[in-house]
Amino acid sequence: MTKLTQTKRRSMRVRRALAKVANGRPRLSVHRSSQNIYAQIIDDVNGVTVAAASTLDKDLRKSLKNGADKNAASAVGKLVAERADKAGVKEVVFDRGAFIYHGRVKALADAAREGGLKF
């Protein structure tokens, strides 16, 4: 089995478990690459992205020294929580994808919680 299929299977396993407990709540999906981190709040019922933030946003890019550290992840978490609040989203389910809940992913989640999101 290739590394790509292992990652895809792990991601789908996490999503399948989230779908069972979501109860109509939107999903906070996190993706991290070697240089950036991305977060989206997705309404799976309607199939739309409600809010999104990443280290590639213009206002964040200027203030961050590096897009691939815990400081950048927490900045993205705060920003996505702020944008979700403007969109009227208070509760989400956290979708870590195929990534371990550790390091940058955990930093983003903690910052989103501090920003007012409940999950």
Protein backbone atom coordinates (compact mmCIF):
# COMPACT_ATOMS: atom_id res chain seq x y z
CA MET A 1 0.00 0.00 0.00
CA THR A 2 1.43 3.38 -0.97
CA LYS A 3 1.83 6.25 1.46
CA LEU A 4 -0.83 8.25 -0.39
CA THR A 5 -3.46 5.58 -0.01
CA GLN A 6 -2.59 5.13 3.67
CA THR A 7 -3.04 8.85 4.23
CA LYS A 8 -6.30 8.92 2.29
CA ARG A 9 -7.67 5.95 4.22
CA ARG A 10 -6.74 7.52 7.56
CA SER A 11 -8.39 10.78 6.53
CA MET A 12 -11.59 9.05 5.44
CA ARG A 13 -11.69 7.02 8.67
CA VAL A 14 -11.54 10.22 10.72
CA ARG A 15 -14.23 11.85 8.56
CA ARG A 16 -16.53 8.84 8.84
CA ALA A 17 -16.30 8.99 12.64
CA LEU A 18 -17.00 12.74 12.60
CA ALA A 19 -20.08 12.33 10.43
CA LYS A 20 -21.61 10.09 13.10
CA VAL A 21 -21.26 12.68 15.87
CA ALA A 22 -21.65 15.91 13.90
CA ASN A 23 -25.44 16.33 14.32
CA GLY A 24 -25.52 19.00 11.62
CA ARG A 25 -22.60 21.00 13.01
CA PRO A 26 -20.09 22.34 10.51
CA ARG A 27 -16.63 20.81 10.31
CA LEU A 28 -13.37 22.64 11.09
CA SER A 29 -11.00 21.02 8.63
CA VAL A 30 -7.24 21.47 9.04
CA HIS A 31 -4.53 20.88 6.47
CA ARG A 32 -0.86 21.44 7.08
CA SER A 33 1.90 21.42 4.54
CA SER A 34 5.60 21.81 5.08
CA GLN A 35 5.39 25.59 4.62
CA ASN A 36 1.81 26.63 5.50
CA ILE A 37 -1.28 25.69 7.47
CA TYR A 38 -4.88 26.02 6.32
CA ALA A 39 -8.23 25.88 8.14
CA GLN A 40 -11.76 25.81 6.72
CA ILE A 41 -15.17 25.62 8.33
CA ILE A 42 -17.28 23.50 6.00
CA ASP A 43 -21.05 23.03 6.14
CA ASP A 44 -21.41 19.48 4.84
CA VAL A 45 -25.20 19.63 4.74
CA ASN A 46 -25.20 22.42 2.15
CA GLY A 47 -21.73 21.68 0.77
CA VAL A 48 -20.31 25.17 1.27
CA THR A 49 -17.28 26.67 2.98
CA VAL A 50 -18.49 29.07 5.65
CA ALA A 51 -15.13 30.53 6.72
CA ALA A 52 -11.49 29.94 5.88
CA ALA A 53 -8.08 31.16 6.94
CA SER A 54 -4.48 30.27 6.16
CA THR A 55 -0.96 31.55 6.53
CA LEU A 56 -1.24 32.76 2.94
CA ASP A 57 -3.76 35.49 3.89
CA LYS A 58 -2.29 38.93 3.21
CA ASP A 59 -2.84 40.30 6.71
CA LEU A 60 -1.24 37.24 8.33
CA ARG A 61 1.63 36.86 5.89
CA LYS A 62 3.04 40.28 6.79
CA SER A 63 2.93 39.70 10.54
CA LEU A 64 4.39 36.16 10.52
CA LYS A 65 8.06 35.37 10.20
CA ASN A 66 7.37 31.76 9.18
CA GLY A 67 4.18 30.08 7.97
CA ALA A 68 5.09 26.66 9.31
CA ASP A 69 5.41 27.01 13.08
CA LYS A 70 3.14 26.96 16.13
CA ASN A 71 2.86 30.75 16.22
CA ALA A 72 1.51 30.77 12.68
CA ALA A 73 -0.91 27.95 13.49
CA SER A 74 -2.30 29.78 16.50
CA ALA A 75 -2.71 32.96 14.43
CA VAL A 76 -4.68 31.00 11.82
CA GLY A 77 -6.81 29.44 14.59
CA LYS A 78 -7.70 32.84 16.02
CA LEU A 79 -8.47 34.22 12.57
CA VAL A 80 -10.72 31.33 11.56
CA ALA A 81 -12.60 31.60 14.89
CA GLU A 82 -13.11 35.31 14.30
CA ARG A 83 -14.40 34.73 10.77
CA ALA A 84 -16.67 31.93 11.97
CA ASP A 85 -18.16 34.23 14.59
CA LYS A 86 -18.92 36.80 11.87
CA ALA A 87 -20.61 34.02 9.85
CA GLY A 88 -22.68 32.99 12.90
CA VAL A 89 -20.98 29.67 13.64
CA LYS A 90 -20.42 28.87 17.32
CA GLU A 91 -20.03 25.06 17.43
CA VAL A 92 -18.03 22.83 15.08
CA VAL A 93 -16.53 19.36 14.95
CA PHE A 94 -12.76 19.24 14.58
CA ASP A 95 -11.47 17.38 11.52
CA ARG A 96 -7.75 16.76 11.84
CA GLY A 97 -7.71 14.75 8.61
CA ALA A 98 -4.78 12.36 8.47
CA PHE A 99 -2.69 14.53 10.79
CA ILE A 100 -1.90 13.63 14.39
CA TYR A 101 -3.45 15.94 16.99
CA HIS A 102 -0.06 17.29 18.01
CA GLY A 103 2.15 20.29 17.40
CA ARG A 104 0.80 22.75 14.85
CA VAL A 105 -2.60 21.05 14.55
CA LYS A 106 -3.07 21.19 18.33
CA ALA A 107 -1.91 24.83 18.44
CA LEU A 108 -4.50 25.76 15.81
CA ALA A 109 -7.26 23.94 17.72
CA ASP A 110 -6.36 25.58 21.03
CA ALA A 111 -6.31 29.05 19.45
CA ALA A 112 -9.69 28.42 17.80
CA ARG A 113 -11.11 27.44 21.19
CA GLU A 114 -9.71 30.61 22.73
CA GLY A 115 -11.28 32.55 19.86
CA GLY A 116 -14.74 31.30 20.85
CA LEU A 117 -15.35 28.13 18.84
CA LYS A 118 -16.73 25.16 20.76
CA PHE A 119 -15.68 21.61 19.89
